[in-house]
Amino acid sequence: MSFVTRRALSTLIPPKVASPNAIGSAPDAVRMKRVVSFYEKLPRGPAPEIQATGLLGRYQAKHFGKNPTAKPIFHAIGFLLVIGYPMTYYYHLRHHKNNAH
């Protein structure tokens, strides 16, 4: 293992809290006490699952969450049809009104 890899992994591994030679001197003891109190305050166990809020959040949780579906593709196509066809119809009639002869 290279030095860079060992250095990167050493930052992920917590210090040895119960090391007897680190607690011996006063400055190290104060520093270790702060480290221990920090690690005691960290939450334990898996993180709680975040509940979806709002209309878009619930839609995303339902269709993109644990069981993703293909329904958003059909919803997008339907949305484009519902919005696009009336716009095309309106703009077509706007430029060609009263030309029924």
C-alpha atoms as a PDB file:
ATOM      1  CA  MET A   1       0.000   0.000   0.000  1.00  0.00           C
ATOM      2  CA  SER A   2       1.436   3.372  -0.960  1.00  0.00           C
ATOM      3  CA  PHE A   3       2.076   6.217   1.449  1.00  0.00           C
ATOM      4  CA  VAL A   4      -0.716   8.301  -0.088  1.00  0.00           C
ATOM      5  CA  THR A   5      -3.253   5.509   0.335  1.00  0.00           C
ATOM      6  CA  ARG A   6      -2.219   4.902   3.942  1.00  0.00           C
ATOM      7  CA  ARG A   7      -2.398   8.643   4.655  1.00  0.00           C
ATOM      8  CA  ALA A   8      -5.894   8.872   3.131  1.00  0.00           C
ATOM      9  CA  LEU A   9      -7.142   5.865   5.097  1.00  0.00           C
ATOM     10  CA  SER A  10      -5.653   7.099   8.360  1.00  0.00           C
ATOM     11  CA  THR A  11      -7.986  10.111   8.320  1.00  0.00           C
ATOM     12  CA  LEU A  12     -11.026   7.823   8.139  1.00  0.00           C
ATOM     13  CA  ILE A  13     -10.020   5.640  11.079  1.00  0.00           C
ATOM     14  CA  PRO A  14     -10.762   7.200  14.498  1.00  0.00           C
ATOM     15  CA  PRO A  15      -7.858   7.546  16.934  1.00  0.00           C
ATOM     16  CA  LYS A  16      -7.289   4.915  19.561  1.00  0.00           C
ATOM     17  CA  VAL A  17      -9.300   6.276  22.449  1.00  0.00           C
ATOM     18  CA  ALA A  18      -8.202   3.711  25.047  1.00  0.00           C
ATOM     19  CA  SER A  19      -4.473   4.024  24.389  1.00  0.00           C
ATOM     20  CA  PRO A  20      -2.740   4.076  27.819  1.00  0.00           C
ATOM     21  CA  ASN A  21       0.377   5.951  26.658  1.00  0.00           C
ATOM     22  CA  ALA A  22      -1.718   8.781  25.123  1.00  0.00           C
ATOM     23  CA  ILE A  23      -3.555   9.514  28.381  1.00  0.00           C
ATOM     24  CA  GLY A  24      -0.352   9.773  30.457  1.00  0.00           C
ATOM     25  CA  SER A  25       0.567  13.426  29.941  1.00  0.00           C
ATOM     26  CA  ALA A  26      -1.720  16.366  30.697  1.00  0.00           C
ATOM     27  CA  PRO A  27      -1.915  18.000  27.204  1.00  0.00           C
ATOM     28  CA  ASP A  28      -2.598  14.655  25.550  1.00  0.00           C
ATOM     29  CA  ALA A  29      -5.224  13.829  28.174  1.00  0.00           C
ATOM     30  CA  VAL A  30      -7.140  17.043  27.482  1.00  0.00           C
ATOM     31  CA  ARG A  31      -6.939  16.478  23.752  1.00  0.00           C
ATOM     32  CA  MET A  32      -8.057  12.867  24.115  1.00  0.00           C
ATOM     33  CA  LYS A  33     -10.929  13.951  26.352  1.00  0.00           C
ATOM     34  CA  ARG A  34     -12.162  16.266  23.579  1.00  0.00           C
ATOM     35  CA  VAL A  35     -11.844  13.474  21.022  1.00  0.00           C
ATOM     36  CA  VAL A  36     -13.720  11.035  23.255  1.00  0.00           C
ATOM     37  CA  SER A  37     -16.516  13.530  23.929  1.00  0.00           C
ATOM     38  CA  PHE A  38     -16.809  14.197  20.175  1.00  0.00           C
ATOM     39  CA  TYR A  39     -17.151  10.507  19.339  1.00  0.00           C
ATOM     40  CA  GLU A  40     -19.627   9.953  22.207  1.00  0.00           C
ATOM     41  CA  LYS A  41     -21.959  12.591  20.743  1.00  0.00           C
ATOM     42  CA  LEU A  42     -22.082  11.005  17.290  1.00  0.00           C
ATOM     43  CA  PRO A  43     -25.349   9.191  16.490  1.00  0.00           C
ATOM     44  CA  ARG A  44     -25.257   5.410  16.426  1.00  0.00           C
ATOM     45  CA  GLY A  45     -27.002   3.009  14.084  1.00  0.00           C
ATOM     46  CA  PRO A  46     -28.400   3.561  10.614  1.00  0.00           C
ATOM     47  CA  ALA A  47     -29.592   7.017   9.607  1.00  0.00           C
ATOM     48  CA  PRO A  48     -33.355   7.524   9.787  1.00  0.00           C
ATOM     49  CA  GLU A  49     -35.161   7.374   6.461  1.00  0.00           C
ATOM     50  CA  ILE A  50     -36.129  10.818   5.192  1.00  0.00           C
ATOM     51  CA  GLN A  51     -39.854  11.234   4.589  1.00  0.00           C
ATOM     52  CA  ALA A  52     -40.847  12.935   1.338  1.00  0.00           C
ATOM     53  CA  THR A  53     -42.722  16.222   1.698  1.00  0.00           C
ATOM     54  CA  GLY A  54     -44.545  18.282  -0.872  1.00  0.00           C
ATOM     55  CA  LEU A  55     -46.154  17.244  -4.114  1.00  0.00           C
ATOM     56  CA  LEU A  56     -42.927  16.851  -6.100  1.00  0.00           C
ATOM     57  CA  GLY A  57     -41.170  15.061  -3.235  1.00  0.00           C
ATOM     58  CA  ARG A  58     -43.933  12.478  -2.859  1.00  0.00           C
ATOM     59  CA  TYR A  59     -44.033  11.944  -6.643  1.00  0.00           C
ATOM     60  CA  GLN A  60     -40.282  11.429  -6.705  1.00  0.00           C
ATOM     61  CA  ALA A  61     -40.377   9.022  -3.754  1.00  0.00           C
ATOM     62  CA  LYS A  62     -43.188   7.041  -5.353  1.00  0.00           C
ATOM     63  CA  HIS A  63     -41.781   6.714  -8.882  1.00  0.00           C
ATOM     64  CA  PHE A  64     -37.997   7.103  -8.435  1.00  0.00           C
ATOM     65  CA  GLY A  65     -37.524   5.631  -4.949  1.00  0.00           C
ATOM     66  CA  LYS A  66     -36.989   2.014  -3.959  1.00  0.00           C
ATOM     67  CA  ASN A  67     -39.203   0.628  -6.742  1.00  0.00           C
ATOM     68  CA  PRO A  68     -38.642   2.861  -9.795  1.00  0.00           C
ATOM     69  CA  THR A  69     -41.283   2.734 -12.526  1.00  0.00           C
ATOM     70  CA  ALA A  70     -41.601   3.919 -16.125  1.00  0.00           C
ATOM     71  CA  LYS A  71     -44.720   5.973 -15.366  1.00  0.00           C
ATOM     72  CA  PRO A  72     -42.878   9.343 -15.395  1.00  0.00           C
ATOM     73  CA  ILE A  73     -42.132   8.835 -19.093  1.00  0.00           C
ATOM     74  CA  PHE A  74     -45.837   8.384 -19.831  1.00  0.00           C
ATOM     75  CA  HIS A  75     -46.688  11.309 -17.557  1.00  0.00           C
ATOM     76  CA  ALA A  76     -44.254  13.539 -19.490  1.00  0.00           C
ATOM     77  CA  ILE A  77     -45.736  12.449 -22.830  1.00  0.00           C
ATOM     78  CA  GLY A  78     -49.261  13.091 -21.539  1.00  0.00           C
ATOM     79  CA  PHE A  79     -48.233  16.487 -20.176  1.00  0.00           C
ATOM     80  CA  LEU A  80     -46.752  17.473 -23.537  1.00  0.00           C
ATOM     81  CA  LEU A  81     -49.922  16.362 -25.328  1.00  0.00           C
ATOM     82  CA  VAL A  82     -52.219  18.178 -22.910  1.00  0.00           C
ATOM     83  CA  ILE A  83     -50.208  21.408 -23.082  1.00  0.00           C
ATOM     84  CA  GLY A  84     -48.826  21.206 -26.633  1.00  0.00           C
ATOM     85  CA  TYR A  85     -51.970  20.463 -28.625  1.00  0.00           C
ATOM     86  CA  PRO A  86     -54.026  23.413 -27.318  1.00  0.00           C
ATOM     87  CA  MET A  87     -51.074  25.763 -27.853  1.00  0.00           C
ATOM     88  CA  THR A  88     -50.661  24.599 -31.445  1.00  0.00           C
ATOM     89  CA  TYR A  89     -54.410  24.893 -32.046  1.00  0.00           C
ATOM     90  CA  TYR A  90     -54.550  28.388 -30.528  1.00  0.00           C
ATOM     91  CA  TYR A  91     -51.610  29.749 -32.490  1.00  0.00           C
ATOM     92  CA  HIS A  92     -52.865  28.177 -35.720  1.00  0.00           C
ATOM     93  CA  LEU A  93     -56.300  29.782 -35.372  1.00  0.00           C
ATOM     94  CA  ARG A  94     -54.786  33.083 -34.335  1.00  0.00           C
ATOM     95  CA  HIS A  95     -52.935  33.458 -37.631  1.00  0.00           C
ATOM     96  CA  HIS A  96     -55.706  32.055 -39.870  1.00  0.00           C
ATOM     97  CA  LYS A  97     -58.945  33.408 -38.454  1.00  0.00           C
ATOM     98  CA  ASN A  98     -61.844  34.378 -40.732  1.00  0.00           C
ATOM     99  CA  ASN A  99     -60.312  32.705 -43.798  1.00  0.00           C
ATOM    100  CA  ALA A 100     -63.147  30.211 -44.312  1.00  0.00           C
ATOM    101  CA  HIS A 101     -63.986  31.170 -47.930  1.00  0.00           C
END
